[in-house]
PDB file of N, CA and C in Angstrom:
ATOM      1  N   MET A   1      16.420 -18.018 -12.693  1.00  0.00           N
ATOM      2  CA  MET A   1      16.330 -17.589 -11.297  1.00  0.00           C
ATOM      3  C   MET A   1      14.868 -17.236 -11.012  1.00  0.00           C
ATOM      4  N   THR A   2      14.321 -17.723  -9.939  1.00  0.00           N
ATOM      5  CA  THR A   2      12.959 -17.386  -9.531  1.00  0.00           C
ATOM      6  C   THR A   2      13.011 -16.427  -8.360  1.00  0.00           C
ATOM      7  N   HIS A   3      12.003 -15.588  -8.270  1.00  0.00           N
ATOM      8  CA  HIS A   3      11.935 -14.591  -7.217  1.00  0.00           C
ATOM      9  C   HIS A   3      10.713 -14.877  -6.337  1.00  0.00           C
ATOM     10  N   ALA A   4      10.891 -14.710  -5.041  1.00  0.00           N
ATOM     11  CA  ALA A   4       9.801 -14.975  -4.108  1.00  0.00           C
ATOM     12  C   ALA A   4       8.697 -13.935  -4.242  1.00  0.00           C
ATOM     13  N   SER A   5       9.059 -12.718  -4.673  1.00  0.00           N
ATOM     14  CA  SER A   5       8.071 -11.646  -4.822  1.00  0.00           C
ATOM     15  C   SER A   5       8.120 -11.103  -6.233  1.00  0.00           C
ATOM     16  N   THR A   6       6.979 -10.694  -6.716  1.00  0.00           N
ATOM     17  CA  THR A   6       6.893 -10.129  -8.062  1.00  0.00           C
ATOM     18  C   THR A   6       6.257  -8.744  -7.976  1.00  0.00           C
ATOM     19  N   CYS A   7       6.218  -8.050  -9.099  1.00  0.00           N
ATOM     20  CA  CYS A   7       5.658  -6.701  -9.119  1.00  0.00           C
ATOM     21  C   CYS A   7       4.222  -6.682  -8.597  1.00  0.00           C
ATOM     22  N   GLY A   8       3.473  -7.729  -8.812  1.00  0.00           N
ATOM     23  CA  GLY A   8       2.114  -7.792  -8.295  1.00  0.00           C
ATOM     24  C   GLY A   8       2.039  -7.740  -6.780  1.00  0.00           C
ATOM     25  N   ASP A   9       3.160  -8.011  -6.112  1.00  0.00           N
ATOM     26  CA  ASP A   9       3.222  -7.975  -4.641  1.00  0.00           C
ATOM     27  C   ASP A   9       3.716  -6.622  -4.107  1.00  0.00           C
ATOM     28  N   CYS A  10       4.026  -5.702  -5.009  1.00  0.00           N
ATOM     29  CA  CYS A  10       4.688  -4.446  -4.662  1.00  0.00           C
ATOM     30  C   CYS A  10       3.692  -3.304  -4.475  1.00  0.00           C
ATOM     31  N   ILE A  11       3.997  -2.406  -3.550  1.00  0.00           N
ATOM     32  CA  ILE A  11       3.127  -1.249  -3.328  1.00  0.00           C
ATOM     33  C   ILE A  11       3.108  -0.285  -4.499  1.00  0.00           C
ATOM     34  N   HIS A  12       4.094  -0.332  -5.373  1.00  0.00           N
ATOM     35  CA  HIS A  12       4.173   0.569  -6.515  1.00  0.00           C
ATOM     36  C   HIS A  12       3.364   0.059  -7.696  1.00  0.00           C
ATOM     37  N   PHE A  13       2.926  -1.175  -7.670  1.00  0.00           N
ATOM     38  CA  PHE A  13       2.219  -1.789  -8.801  1.00  0.00           C
ATOM     39  C   PHE A  13       0.718  -1.497  -8.692  1.00  0.00           C
ATOM     40  N   ARG A  14       0.154  -0.941  -9.751  1.00  0.00           N
ATOM     41  CA  ARG A  14      -1.289  -0.608  -9.782  1.00  0.00           C
ATOM     42  C   ARG A  14      -1.895  -1.274 -11.017  1.00  0.00           C
ATOM     43  N   ASN A  15      -2.895  -2.104 -10.823  1.00  0.00           N
ATOM     44  CA  ASN A  15      -3.534  -2.712 -11.970  1.00  0.00           C
ATOM     45  C   ASN A  15      -5.055  -2.597 -11.933  1.00  0.00           C
ATOM     46  N   ASP A  16      -5.566  -1.650 -11.137  1.00  0.00           N
ATOM     47  CA  ASP A  16      -6.995  -1.453 -11.166  1.00  0.00           C
ATOM     48  C   ASP A  16      -7.392  -0.692 -12.452  1.00  0.00           C
ATOM     49  N   ALA A  17      -8.517  -1.082 -13.024  1.00  0.00           N
ATOM     50  CA  ALA A  17      -8.940  -0.557 -14.318  1.00  0.00           C
ATOM     51  C   ALA A  17      -9.086   0.954 -14.330  1.00  0.00           C
ATOM     52  N   ASP A  18      -9.628   1.542 -13.295  1.00  0.00           N
ATOM     53  CA  ASP A  18      -9.814   3.005 -13.251  1.00  0.00           C
ATOM     54  C   ASP A  18      -8.466   3.722 -13.332  1.00  0.00           C
ATOM     55  N   HIS A  19      -7.473   3.227 -12.619  1.00  0.00           N
ATOM     56  CA  HIS A  19      -6.132   3.842 -12.654  1.00  0.00           C
ATOM     57  C   HIS A  19      -5.534   3.736 -14.071  1.00  0.00           C
ATOM     58  N   LEU A  20      -5.684   2.585 -14.700  1.00  0.00           N
ATOM     59  CA  LEU A  20      -5.151   2.409 -16.066  1.00  0.00           C
ATOM     60  C   LEU A  20      -5.840   3.360 -17.039  1.00  0.00           C
ATOM     61  N   GLU A  21      -7.159   3.494 -16.934  1.00  0.00           N
ATOM     62  CA  GLU A  21      -7.885   4.359 -17.853  1.00  0.00           C
ATOM     63  C   GLU A  21      -7.505   5.823 -17.652  1.00  0.00           C
ATOM     64  N   ARG A  22      -7.231   6.236 -16.424  1.00  0.00           N
ATOM     65  CA  ARG A  22      -6.760   7.619 -16.188  1.00  0.00           C
ATOM     66  C   ARG A  22      -5.328   7.801 -16.692  1.00  0.00           C
ATOM     67  N   SER A  23      -4.530   6.768 -16.629  1.00  0.00           N
ATOM     68  CA  SER A  23      -3.127   6.869 -17.038  1.00  0.00           C
ATOM     69  C   SER A  23      -2.924   6.867 -18.545  1.00  0.00           C
ATOM     70  N   PHE A  24      -3.867   6.251 -19.262  1.00  0.00           N
ATOM     71  CA  PHE A  24      -3.788   6.165 -20.718  1.00  0.00           C
ATOM     72  C   PHE A  24      -5.026   6.818 -21.359  1.00  0.00           C
ATOM     73  N   PRO A  25      -5.006   8.156 -21.486  1.00  0.00           N
ATOM     74  CA  PRO A  25      -6.156   8.831 -22.093  1.00  0.00           C
ATOM     75  C   PRO A  25      -6.431   8.211 -23.490  1.00  0.00           C
ATOM     76  N   GLY A  26      -7.681   7.989 -23.781  1.00  0.00           N
ATOM     77  CA  GLY A  26      -8.059   7.402 -25.062  1.00  0.00           C
ATOM     78  C   GLY A  26      -8.171   5.897 -25.035  1.00  0.00           C
ATOM     79  N   LEU A  27      -7.751   5.256 -23.963  1.00  0.00           N
ATOM     80  CA  LEU A  27      -7.828   3.798 -23.879  1.00  0.00           C
ATOM     81  C   LEU A  27      -9.253   3.312 -24.090  1.00  0.00           C
ATOM     82  N   THR A  28     -10.204   4.069 -23.617  1.00  0.00           N
ATOM     83  CA  THR A  28     -11.587   3.631 -23.700  1.00  0.00           C
ATOM     84  C   THR A  28     -12.187   3.820 -25.091  1.00  0.00           C
ATOM     85  N   ALA A  29     -11.451   4.415 -26.025  1.00  0.00           N
ATOM     86  CA  ALA A  29     -11.975   4.620 -27.378  1.00  0.00           C
ATOM     87  C   ALA A  29     -12.277   3.294 -28.067  1.00  0.00           C
ATOM     88  N   MET A  30     -11.443   2.290 -27.847  1.00  0.00           N
ATOM     89  CA  MET A  30     -11.667   1.000 -28.508  1.00  0.00           C
ATOM     90  C   MET A  30     -11.836  -0.140 -27.522  1.00  0.00           C
ATOM     91  N   SER A  31     -11.562   0.101 -26.276  1.00  0.00           N
ATOM     92  CA  SER A  31     -11.623  -0.941 -25.274  1.00  0.00           C
ATOM     93  C   SER A  31     -11.750  -0.275 -23.905  1.00  0.00           C
ATOM     94  N   SER A  32     -11.224  -0.911 -22.906  1.00  0.00           N
ATOM     95  CA  SER A  32     -11.196  -0.317 -21.573  1.00  0.00           C
ATOM     96  C   SER A  32     -10.114  -0.976 -20.750  1.00  0.00           C
ATOM     97  N   GLY A  33      -9.865  -0.429 -19.579  1.00  0.00           N
ATOM     98  CA  GLY A  33      -8.904  -1.043 -18.660  1.00  0.00           C
ATOM     99  C   GLY A  33      -9.433  -2.299 -18.042  1.00  0.00           C
ATOM    100  N   ARG A  34     -10.690  -2.616 -18.319  1.00  0.00           N
ATOM    101  CA  ARG A  34     -11.303  -3.820 -17.763  1.00  0.00           C
ATOM    102  C   ARG A  34     -11.213  -5.003 -18.734  1.00  0.00           C
ATOM    103  N   GLY A  35     -10.603  -4.810 -19.889  1.00  0.00           N
ATOM    104  CA  GLY A  35     -10.516  -5.864 -20.883  1.00  0.00           C
ATOM    105  C   GLY A  35      -9.715  -7.066 -20.434  1.00  0.00           C
ATOM    106  N   ALA A  36     -10.118  -8.231 -20.884  1.00  0.00           N
ATOM    107  CA  ALA A  36      -9.420  -9.463 -20.513  1.00  0.00           C
ATOM    108  C   ALA A  36      -8.047  -9.585 -21.138  1.00  0.00           C
ATOM    109  N   ALA A  37      -7.814  -8.844 -22.230  1.00  0.00           N
ATOM    110  CA  ALA A  37      -6.514  -8.947 -22.919  1.00  0.00           C
ATOM    111  C   ALA A  37      -5.346  -8.508 -22.053  1.00  0.00           C
ATOM    112  N   ARG A  38      -5.572  -7.628 -21.113  1.00  0.00           N
ATOM    113  CA  ARG A  38      -4.465  -7.152 -20.273  1.00  0.00           C
ATOM    114  C   ARG A  38      -4.174  -8.119 -19.123  1.00  0.00           C
ATOM    115  N   ALA A  39      -5.015  -9.074 -18.900  1.00  0.00           N
ATOM    116  CA  ALA A  39      -4.834 -10.047 -17.814  1.00  0.00           C
ATOM    117  C   ALA A  39      -4.618  -9.310 -16.498  1.00  0.00           C
ATOM    118  N   ALA A  40      -3.507  -9.549 -15.829  1.00  0.00           N
ATOM    119  CA  ALA A  40      -3.228  -8.881 -14.574  1.00  0.00           C
ATOM    120  C   ALA A  40      -2.117  -7.857 -14.730  1.00  0.00           C
ATOM    121  N   ASP A  41      -1.875  -7.396 -15.967  1.00  0.00           N
ATOM    122  CA  ASP A  41      -0.852  -6.379 -16.215  1.00  0.00           C
ATOM    123  C   ASP A  41      -1.227  -5.096 -15.488  1.00  0.00           C
ATOM    124  N   GLY A  42      -0.247  -4.234 -15.255  1.00  0.00           N
ATOM    125  CA  GLY A  42      -0.504  -2.988 -14.585  1.00  0.00           C
ATOM    126  C   GLY A  42       0.631  -2.001 -14.763  1.00  0.00           C
ATOM    127  N   LEU A  43       0.601  -0.968 -13.975  1.00  0.00           N
ATOM    128  CA  LEU A  43       1.586   0.093 -14.042  1.00  0.00           C
ATOM    129  C   LEU A  43       2.455   0.117 -12.797  1.00  0.00           C
ATOM    130  N   CYS A  44       3.730   0.329 -12.992  1.00  0.00           N
ATOM    131  CA  CYS A  44       4.638   0.573 -11.893  1.00  0.00           C
ATOM    132  C   CYS A  44       4.721   2.086 -11.712  1.00  0.00           C
ATOM    133  N   ASP A  45       4.153   2.579 -10.608  1.00  0.00           N
ATOM    134  CA  ASP A  45       4.168   4.013 -10.342  1.00  0.00           C
ATOM    135  C   ASP A  45       5.572   4.523 -10.018  1.00  0.00           C
ATOM    136  N   ARG A  46       6.451   3.652  -9.610  1.00  0.00           N
ATOM    137  CA  ARG A  46       7.841   4.084  -9.306  1.00  0.00           C
ATOM    138  C   ARG A  46       8.633   4.302 -10.580  1.00  0.00           C
ATOM    139  N   HIS A  47       8.510   3.390 -11.542  1.00  0.00           N
ATOM    140  CA  HIS A  47       9.331   3.445 -12.753  1.00  0.00           C
ATOM    141  C   HIS A  47       8.569   3.921 -13.988  1.00  0.00           C
ATOM    142  N   GLY A  48       7.255   4.079 -13.877  1.00  0.00           N
ATOM    143  CA  GLY A  48       6.461   4.543 -15.019  1.00  0.00           C
ATOM    144  C   GLY A  48       6.395   3.536 -16.143  1.00  0.00           C
ATOM    145  N   LEU A  49       6.352   2.250 -15.788  1.00  0.00           N
ATOM    146  CA  LEU A  49       6.315   1.182 -16.787  1.00  0.00           C
ATOM    147  C   LEU A  49       5.005   0.409 -16.733  1.00  0.00           C
ATOM    148  N   TYR A  50       4.550  -0.039 -17.899  1.00  0.00           N
ATOM    149  CA  TYR A  50       3.423  -0.945 -17.988  1.00  0.00           C
ATOM    150  C   TYR A  50       4.030  -2.349 -18.091  1.00  0.00           C
ATOM    151  N   LEU A  51       3.645  -3.251 -17.193  1.00  0.00           N
ATOM    152  CA  LEU A  51       4.282  -4.568 -17.173  1.00  0.00           C
ATOM    153  C   LEU A  51       3.384  -5.633 -16.598  1.00  0.00           C
ATOM    154  N   ALA A  52       3.806  -6.860 -16.737  1.00  0.00           N
ATOM    155  CA  ALA A  52       3.063  -8.003 -16.180  1.00  0.00           C
ATOM    156  C   ALA A  52       3.247  -8.062 -14.669  1.00  0.00           C
ATOM    157  N   ARG A  53       2.249  -8.534 -13.982  1.00  0.00           N
ATOM    158  CA  ARG A  53       2.346  -8.625 -12.517  1.00  0.00           C
ATOM    159  C   ARG A  53       3.449  -9.612 -12.091  1.00  0.00           C
ATOM    160  N   PHE A  54       3.901 -10.454 -13.009  1.00  0.00           N
ATOM    161  CA  PHE A  54       4.925 -11.445 -12.677  1.00  0.00           C
ATOM    162  C   PHE A  54       6.329 -10.961 -12.951  1.00  0.00           C
ATOM    163  N   ALA A  55       6.471  -9.698 -13.383  1.00  0.00           N
ATOM    164  CA  ALA A  55       7.792  -9.096 -13.535  1.00  0.00           C
ATOM    165  C   ALA A  55       8.373  -8.837 -12.134  1.00  0.00           C
ATOM    166  N   TYR A  56       9.599  -8.375 -12.080  1.00  0.00           N
ATOM    167  CA  TYR A  56      10.225  -8.097 -10.806  1.00  0.00           C
ATOM    168  C   TYR A  56      11.366  -7.092 -10.984  1.00  0.00           C
ATOM    169  N   CYS A  57      11.736  -6.432  -9.908  1.00  0.00           N
ATOM    170  CA  CYS A  57      12.915  -5.554  -9.943  1.00  0.00           C
ATOM    171  C   CYS A  57      13.462  -5.479  -8.530  1.00  0.00           C
ATOM    172  N   ASP A  58      14.619  -4.849  -8.418  1.00  0.00           N
ATOM    173  CA  ASP A  58      15.297  -4.721  -7.119  1.00  0.00           C
ATOM    174  C   ASP A  58      14.669  -3.664  -6.218  1.00  0.00           C
ATOM    175  N   ASP A  59      13.754  -2.859  -6.739  1.00  0.00           N
ATOM    176  CA  ASP A  59      13.117  -1.793  -5.952  1.00  0.00           C
ATOM    177  C   ASP A  59      11.795  -2.236  -5.331  1.00  0.00           C
ATOM    178  N   LEU A  60      11.499  -3.518  -5.372  1.00  0.00           N
ATOM    179  CA  LEU A  60      10.228  -4.036  -4.882  1.00  0.00           C
ATOM    180  C   LEU A  60      10.055  -3.723  -3.381  1.00  0.00           C
ATOM    181  N   VAL A  61       8.873  -3.217  -3.042  1.00  0.00           N
ATOM    182  CA  VAL A  61       8.491  -2.991  -1.644  1.00  0.00           C
ATOM    183  C   VAL A  61       7.181  -3.754  -1.460  1.00  0.00           C
ATOM    184  N   ARG A  62       7.250  -4.803  -0.663  1.00  0.00           N
ATOM    185  CA  ARG A  62       6.062  -5.661  -0.503  1.00  0.00           C
ATOM    186  C   ARG A  62       4.897  -4.896   0.122  1.00  0.00           C
ATOM    187  N   LYS A  63       3.713  -5.214  -0.396  1.00  0.00           N
ATOM    188  CA  LYS A  63       2.482  -4.676   0.207  1.00  0.00           C
ATOM    189  C   LYS A  63       2.332  -5.265   1.592  1.00  0.00           C
ATOM    190  N   PRO A  64       1.801  -4.473   2.530  1.00  0.00           N
ATOM    191  CA  PRO A  64       1.566  -5.042   3.867  1.00  0.00           C
ATOM    192  C   PRO A  64       0.554  -6.179   3.793  1.00  0.00           C
ATOM    193  N   ALA A  65       0.755  -7.158   4.626  1.00  0.00           N
ATOM    194  CA  ALA A  65      -0.184  -8.283   4.692  1.00  0.00           C
ATOM    195  C   ALA A  65      -1.551  -7.771   5.110  1.00  0.00           C
ATOM    196  N   SER A  66      -2.577  -8.223   4.415  1.00  0.00           N
ATOM    197  CA  SER A  66      -3.938  -7.805   4.777  1.00  0.00           C
ATOM    198  C   SER A  66      -4.579  -8.924   5.574  1.00  0.00           C
ATOM    199  N   GLY A  67      -4.344  -8.851   6.858  1.00  0.00           N
ATOM    200  CA  GLY A  67      -4.885  -9.858   7.769  1.00  0.00           C
ATOM    201  C   GLY A  67      -6.277  -9.484   8.215  1.00  0.00           C
ATOM    202  N   GLY A  68      -6.568  -9.780   9.439  1.00  0.00           N
ATOM    203  CA  GLY A  68      -7.910  -9.513   9.986  1.00  0.00           C
ATOM    204  C   GLY A  68      -8.071  -8.036  10.354  1.00  0.00           C
ATOM    205  N   ARG A  69      -9.055  -7.777  11.135  1.00  0.00           N
ATOM    206  CA  ARG A  69      -9.367  -6.427  11.553  1.00  0.00           C
ATOM    207  C   ARG A  69      -8.390  -5.985  12.636  1.00  0.00           C
ATOM    208  N   GLN A  70      -8.252  -4.639  12.721  1.00  0.00           N
ATOM    209  CA  GLN A  70      -7.383  -4.078  13.745  1.00  0.00           C
ATOM    210  C   GLN A  70      -8.193  -3.259  14.705  1.00  0.00           C
TER     211      GLN A  70
END
């Protein structure tokens, strides 16, 4: 079964390096949140999970479309 939206499309998904480094104290001891090994993985702030951006769940809330200026 394929899903039209994935965790990477959800407002609860955070994959910016600074957020990951704050969430995992000590991560920078051997690497950083900017490492290529994590690809586009991130954290689900709703469920407290580290997962791939291509995961999905029933609690997905799509990010608002970022169109032009308002």
